[in-house]
Amino acid sequence: MQNSRCYKFSLDIIALADLLPNKRSARVISDQLIRSATSIGANLVEAKASSSRLEFKKFNEIALKSANESQYWLCLLRDAKLIGKERIELLLKEAIEIANMLASGVLKLKGKL
């Protein structure tokens, strides 16, 4: 997976956060979402600089966990009706696709494929 896809996802999440209402709940969720979404690409950058296969696998696993966490926060925004469903759905789809690609890579790294 190209890191540029994760970078674009991070930028899209930041743009989404700027559209949220000025409510405490939206601020808390958007802070968490920004952290998890931007963590995906950051951990993939760290993985590229790894000094061992084990370290490479660890950073990819963290990126996967962040992708899964991002899905959670997106669903929470959607279900709490803090922003329109249509704005969330494309981002949620992208988060799922990124997580699936990362999961496949992690399984390969673990030798389970």
N, C-alpha and C. Protein backbone atom coordinates (compact mmCIF):
# COMPACT_ATOMS: atom_id res chain seq x y z
N MET A 1 0.86 -1.18 0.00
CA MET A 1 0.00 0.00 0.00
C MET A 1 0.90 1.24 0.00
N GLN A 2 0.55 2.18 -0.78
CA GLN A 2 1.33 3.40 -0.84
C GLN A 2 1.00 4.29 0.36
N ASN A 3 2.03 4.85 0.93
CA ASN A 3 1.82 5.72 2.08
C ASN A 3 1.05 6.98 1.69
N SER A 4 1.06 7.34 0.40
CA SER A 4 0.33 8.53 -0.04
C SER A 4 -1.17 8.36 0.18
N ARG A 5 -1.65 7.14 0.11
CA ARG A 5 -3.07 6.88 0.37
C ARG A 5 -3.41 7.18 1.83
N CYS A 6 -2.55 6.77 2.73
CA CYS A 6 -2.76 7.05 4.15
C CYS A 6 -2.61 8.54 4.44
N TYR A 7 -1.70 9.19 3.74
CA TYR A 7 -1.51 10.63 3.90
C TYR A 7 -2.78 11.37 3.47
N LYS A 8 -3.33 10.99 2.32
CA LYS A 8 -4.57 11.61 1.84
C LYS A 8 -5.71 11.34 2.82
N PHE A 9 -5.78 10.12 3.35
CA PHE A 9 -6.80 9.79 4.34
C PHE A 9 -6.67 10.72 5.55
N SER A 10 -5.46 10.95 6.01
CA SER A 10 -5.23 11.86 7.14
C SER A 10 -5.73 13.27 6.82
N LEU A 11 -5.41 13.75 5.63
CA LEU A 11 -5.87 15.09 5.23
C LEU A 11 -7.39 15.16 5.15
N ASP A 12 -8.01 14.09 4.65
CA ASP A 12 -9.48 14.05 4.56
C ASP A 12 -10.12 14.05 5.95
N ILE A 13 -9.49 13.36 6.88
CA ILE A 13 -10.00 13.33 8.26
C ILE A 13 -9.87 14.71 8.91
N ILE A 14 -8.75 15.39 8.67
CA ILE A 14 -8.56 16.74 9.21
C ILE A 14 -9.63 17.67 8.65
N ALA A 15 -9.90 17.55 7.36
CA ALA A 15 -10.94 18.38 6.73
C ALA A 15 -12.32 18.07 7.34
N LEU A 16 -12.59 16.81 7.59
CA LEU A 16 -13.86 16.42 8.21
C LEU A 16 -13.98 17.04 9.61
N ALA A 17 -12.90 16.97 10.38
CA ALA A 17 -12.91 17.51 11.74
C ALA A 17 -13.24 19.00 11.74
N ASP A 18 -12.78 19.70 10.72
CA ASP A 18 -13.06 21.14 10.63
C ASP A 18 -14.52 21.45 10.32
N LEU A 19 -15.27 20.44 9.88
CA LEU A 19 -16.69 20.63 9.57
C LEU A 19 -17.61 20.29 10.75
N LEU A 20 -17.05 19.69 11.79
CA LEU A 20 -17.87 19.25 12.92
C LEU A 20 -18.39 20.44 13.73
N PRO A 21 -19.54 20.24 14.38
CA PRO A 21 -20.08 21.33 15.20
C PRO A 21 -19.18 21.62 16.40
N ASN A 22 -19.31 22.82 16.91
CA ASN A 22 -18.51 23.23 18.07
C ASN A 22 -19.20 22.75 19.35
N LYS A 23 -19.18 21.44 19.52
CA LYS A 23 -19.76 20.81 20.72
C LYS A 23 -18.65 19.99 21.38
N ARG A 24 -18.74 19.86 22.67
CA ARG A 24 -17.71 19.11 23.40
C ARG A 24 -17.55 17.70 22.86
N SER A 25 -18.66 17.00 22.64
CA SER A 25 -18.60 15.62 22.17
C SER A 25 -17.90 15.53 20.81
N ALA A 26 -18.20 16.45 19.92
CA ALA A 26 -17.57 16.45 18.59
C ALA A 26 -16.08 16.72 18.70
N ARG A 27 -15.70 17.63 19.59
CA ARG A 27 -14.27 17.95 19.77
C ARG A 27 -13.51 16.74 20.29
N VAL A 28 -14.07 16.07 21.29
CA VAL A 28 -13.39 14.91 21.88
C VAL A 28 -13.23 13.80 20.84
N ILE A 29 -14.30 13.50 20.13
CA ILE A 29 -14.25 12.43 19.13
C ILE A 29 -13.31 12.81 17.99
N SER A 30 -13.38 14.06 17.53
CA SER A 30 -12.51 14.46 16.42
C SER A 30 -11.04 14.43 16.82
N ASP A 31 -10.73 14.80 18.05
CA ASP A 31 -9.34 14.71 18.52
C ASP A 31 -8.84 13.27 18.46
N GLN A 32 -9.66 12.35 18.94
CA GLN A 32 -9.29 10.93 18.91
C GLN A 32 -9.16 10.42 17.48
N LEU A 33 -10.10 10.84 16.63
CA LEU A 33 -10.08 10.41 15.22
C LEU A 33 -8.84 10.93 14.51
N ILE A 34 -8.51 12.19 14.72
CA ILE A 34 -7.31 12.75 14.08
C ILE A 34 -6.07 11.99 14.55
N ARG A 35 -6.00 11.70 15.83
CA ARG A 35 -4.83 10.96 16.36
C ARG A 35 -4.71 9.58 15.71
N SER A 36 -5.83 8.85 15.67
CA SER A 36 -5.76 7.49 15.13
C SER A 36 -5.52 7.49 13.63
N ALA A 37 -6.17 8.39 12.91
CA ALA A 37 -6.03 8.42 11.44
C ALA A 37 -4.62 8.81 11.02
N THR A 38 -4.05 9.82 11.67
CA THR A 38 -2.71 10.25 11.31
C THR A 38 -1.65 9.26 11.77
N SER A 39 -1.98 8.46 12.76
CA SER A 39 -1.06 7.44 13.26
C SER A 39 -0.82 6.33 12.23
N ILE A 40 -1.79 6.07 11.37
CA ILE A 40 -1.65 5.00 10.38
C ILE A 40 -0.43 5.28 9.51
N GLY A 41 -0.44 6.41 8.82
CA GLY A 41 0.67 6.75 7.94
C GLY A 41 1.98 6.94 8.67
N ALA A 42 1.92 7.55 9.85
CA ALA A 42 3.14 7.78 10.63
C ALA A 42 3.82 6.46 10.98
N ASN A 43 3.02 5.47 11.35
CA ASN A 43 3.61 4.17 11.69
C ASN A 43 4.14 3.44 10.46
N LEU A 44 3.53 3.65 9.31
CA LEU A 44 4.05 3.05 8.09
C LEU A 44 5.39 3.68 7.69
N VAL A 45 5.53 4.99 7.93
CA VAL A 45 6.81 5.66 7.70
C VAL A 45 7.87 5.08 8.63
N GLU A 46 7.49 4.89 9.89
CA GLU A 46 8.41 4.29 10.86
C GLU A 46 8.79 2.86 10.45
N ALA A 47 7.82 2.12 9.92
CA ALA A 47 8.08 0.75 9.49
C ALA A 47 9.15 0.71 8.40
N LYS A 48 9.08 1.65 7.48
CA LYS A 48 10.06 1.70 6.39
C LYS A 48 11.48 1.92 6.91
N ALA A 49 11.59 2.58 8.04
CA ALA A 49 12.90 2.87 8.62
C ALA A 49 13.32 1.82 9.65
N SER A 50 12.58 0.73 9.72
CA SER A 50 12.85 -0.30 10.73
C SER A 50 14.22 -0.94 10.52
N SER A 51 14.80 -1.36 11.63
CA SER A 51 16.10 -2.01 11.57
C SER A 51 16.00 -3.53 11.61
N SER A 52 14.78 -4.04 11.79
CA SER A 52 14.60 -5.50 11.82
C SER A 52 13.21 -5.86 11.32
N ARG A 53 13.05 -7.12 10.97
CA ARG A 53 11.75 -7.61 10.52
C ARG A 53 10.72 -7.51 11.65
N LEU A 54 11.15 -7.81 12.86
CA LEU A 54 10.27 -7.75 14.02
C LEU A 54 9.76 -6.32 14.24
N GLU A 55 10.66 -5.36 14.14
CA GLU A 55 10.28 -3.96 14.30
C GLU A 55 9.34 -3.53 13.16
N PHE A 56 9.61 -3.98 11.94
CA PHE A 56 8.77 -3.70 10.78
C PHE A 56 7.35 -4.23 11.03
N LYS A 57 7.26 -5.45 11.52
CA LYS A 57 5.97 -6.07 11.81
C LYS A 57 5.23 -5.30 12.91
N LYS A 58 5.95 -4.89 13.92
CA LYS A 58 5.35 -4.15 15.04
C LYS A 58 4.71 -2.85 14.57
N PHE A 59 5.42 -2.09 13.74
CA PHE A 59 4.87 -0.83 13.25
C PHE A 59 3.66 -1.05 12.35
N ASN A 60 3.68 -2.12 11.56
CA ASN A 60 2.53 -2.44 10.72
C ASN A 60 1.32 -2.85 11.57
N GLU A 61 1.57 -3.56 12.63
CA GLU A 61 0.48 -3.94 13.55
C GLU A 61 -0.13 -2.71 14.22
N ILE A 62 0.70 -1.76 14.60
CA ILE A 62 0.20 -0.53 15.21
C ILE A 62 -0.62 0.25 14.20
N ALA A 63 -0.16 0.31 12.95
CA ALA A 63 -0.90 1.00 11.89
C ALA A 63 -2.28 0.35 11.71
N LEU A 64 -2.33 -0.98 11.74
CA LEU A 64 -3.60 -1.70 11.62
C LEU A 64 -4.53 -1.36 12.78
N LYS A 65 -4.01 -1.35 13.98
CA LYS A 65 -4.83 -0.99 15.13
C LYS A 65 -5.37 0.43 15.01
N SER A 66 -4.56 1.34 14.51
CA SER A 66 -5.01 2.72 14.32
C SER A 66 -6.10 2.81 13.25
N ALA A 67 -5.99 2.01 12.20
CA ALA A 67 -7.02 1.99 11.15
C ALA A 67 -8.33 1.47 11.72
N ASN A 68 -8.26 0.44 12.54
CA ASN A 68 -9.47 -0.09 13.17
C ASN A 68 -10.07 0.92 14.15
N GLU A 69 -9.22 1.60 14.88
CA GLU A 69 -9.70 2.62 15.81
C GLU A 69 -10.38 3.77 15.06
N SER A 70 -9.82 4.14 13.93
CA SER A 70 -10.40 5.22 13.11
C SER A 70 -11.81 4.84 12.66
N GLN A 71 -12.01 3.58 12.32
CA GLN A 71 -13.35 3.12 11.94
C GLN A 71 -14.33 3.32 13.09
N TYR A 72 -13.89 3.01 14.29
CA TYR A 72 -14.74 3.16 15.48
C TYR A 72 -15.18 4.62 15.64
N TRP A 73 -14.22 5.55 15.56
CA TRP A 73 -14.55 6.97 15.76
C TRP A 73 -15.45 7.49 14.65
N LEU A 74 -15.21 7.04 13.42
CA LEU A 74 -16.08 7.46 12.31
C LEU A 74 -17.51 6.97 12.52
N CYS A 75 -17.65 5.74 12.95
CA CYS A 75 -18.99 5.20 13.22
C CYS A 75 -19.67 5.96 14.36
N LEU A 76 -18.90 6.33 15.35
CA LEU A 76 -19.45 7.08 16.47
C LEU A 76 -19.95 8.46 16.02
N LEU A 77 -19.17 9.12 15.19
CA LEU A 77 -19.61 10.42 14.64
C LEU A 77 -20.90 10.25 13.85
N ARG A 78 -20.93 9.22 13.03
CA ARG A 78 -22.11 8.97 12.19
C ARG A 78 -23.34 8.67 13.05
N ASP A 79 -23.19 7.74 13.99
CA ASP A 79 -24.34 7.28 14.78
C ASP A 79 -24.80 8.32 15.80
N ALA A 80 -23.89 9.21 16.22
CA ALA A 80 -24.27 10.30 17.12
C ALA A 80 -24.86 11.47 16.33
N LYS A 81 -24.89 11.32 15.02
CA LYS A 81 -25.45 12.33 14.12
C LYS A 81 -24.76 13.70 14.28
N LEU A 82 -23.45 13.63 14.49
CA LEU A 82 -22.68 14.87 14.61
C LEU A 82 -22.30 15.45 13.25
N ILE A 83 -22.48 14.64 12.22
CA ILE A 83 -22.24 15.09 10.84
C ILE A 83 -23.03 14.16 9.92
N GLY A 84 -23.34 14.64 8.74
CA GLY A 84 -24.13 13.86 7.80
C GLY A 84 -23.52 12.52 7.44
N LYS A 85 -24.38 11.54 7.33
CA LYS A 85 -23.98 10.17 7.03
C LYS A 85 -23.15 10.08 5.75
N GLU A 86 -23.56 10.85 4.73
CA GLU A 86 -22.88 10.79 3.44
C GLU A 86 -21.42 11.25 3.54
N ARG A 87 -21.13 12.17 4.43
CA ARG A 87 -19.74 12.64 4.61
C ARG A 87 -18.88 11.57 5.26
N ILE A 88 -19.49 10.74 6.09
CA ILE A 88 -18.75 9.72 6.82
C ILE A 88 -18.52 8.47 5.96
N GLU A 89 -19.50 8.09 5.17
CA GLU A 89 -19.46 6.81 4.48
C GLU A 89 -18.22 6.60 3.62
N LEU A 90 -17.82 7.60 2.84
CA LEU A 90 -16.63 7.44 2.00
C LEU A 90 -15.37 7.28 2.84
N LEU A 91 -15.28 8.05 3.91
CA LEU A 91 -14.13 7.92 4.80
C LEU A 91 -14.12 6.58 5.52
N LEU A 92 -15.28 6.13 5.92
CA LEU A 92 -15.38 4.83 6.57
C LEU A 92 -14.97 3.72 5.61
N LYS A 93 -15.42 3.81 4.38
CA LYS A 93 -15.05 2.82 3.35
C LYS A 93 -13.53 2.80 3.16
N GLU A 94 -12.93 3.98 3.11
CA GLU A 94 -11.48 4.07 2.95
C GLU A 94 -10.75 3.49 4.17
N ALA A 95 -11.24 3.77 5.35
CA ALA A 95 -10.63 3.21 6.57
C ALA A 95 -10.69 1.69 6.56
N ILE A 96 -11.81 1.14 6.11
CA ILE A 96 -11.96 -0.32 6.04
C ILE A 96 -10.99 -0.90 5.02
N GLU A 97 -10.88 -0.26 3.87
CA GLU A 97 -9.96 -0.77 2.83
C GLU A 97 -8.51 -0.71 3.31
N ILE A 98 -8.14 0.37 3.95
CA ILE A 98 -6.78 0.49 4.48
C ILE A 98 -6.53 -0.60 5.52
N ALA A 99 -7.49 -0.79 6.42
CA ALA A 99 -7.35 -1.82 7.45
C ALA A 99 -7.22 -3.21 6.83
N ASN A 100 -8.01 -3.48 5.80
CA ASN A 100 -7.94 -4.80 5.15
C ASN A 100 -6.58 -5.02 4.50
N MET A 101 -6.04 -4.00 3.86
CA MET A 101 -4.72 -4.13 3.25
C MET A 101 -3.64 -4.34 4.31
N LEU A 102 -3.74 -3.57 5.38
CA LEU A 102 -2.77 -3.73 6.47
C LEU A 102 -2.88 -5.11 7.12
N ALA A 103 -4.10 -5.58 7.32
CA ALA A 103 -4.31 -6.90 7.93
C ALA A 103 -3.70 -7.99 7.07
N SER A 104 -3.89 -7.88 5.77
CA SER A 104 -3.30 -8.86 4.85
C SER A 104 -1.78 -8.86 4.97
N GLY A 105 -1.20 -7.66 5.00
CA GLY A 105 0.25 -7.56 5.15
C GLY A 105 0.76 -8.10 6.47
N VAL A 106 0.04 -7.82 7.54
CA VAL A 106 0.44 -8.32 8.86
C VAL A 106 0.37 -9.85 8.90
N LEU A 107 -0.68 -10.41 8.31
CA LEU A 107 -0.79 -11.87 8.26
C LEU A 107 0.38 -12.49 7.48
N LYS A 108 0.76 -11.85 6.38
CA LYS A 108 1.92 -12.34 5.61
C LYS A 108 3.18 -12.26 6.44
N LEU A 109 3.34 -11.15 7.16
CA LEU A 109 4.52 -10.99 8.01
C LEU A 109 4.56 -12.04 9.12
N LYS A 110 3.41 -12.44 9.58
CA LYS A 110 3.33 -13.47 10.63
C LYS A 110 3.42 -14.87 10.05
N GLY A 111 3.43 -14.97 8.71
CA GLY A 111 3.52 -16.26 8.05
C GLY A 111 2.24 -17.05 8.09
N LYS A 112 1.09 -16.35 8.16
CA LYS A 112 -0.21 -17.03 8.27
C LYS A 112 -0.98 -17.00 6.97
N LEU A 113 -0.33 -16.62 5.87
CA LEU A 113 -0.98 -16.66 4.56
C LEU A 113 -0.20 -17.53 3.61
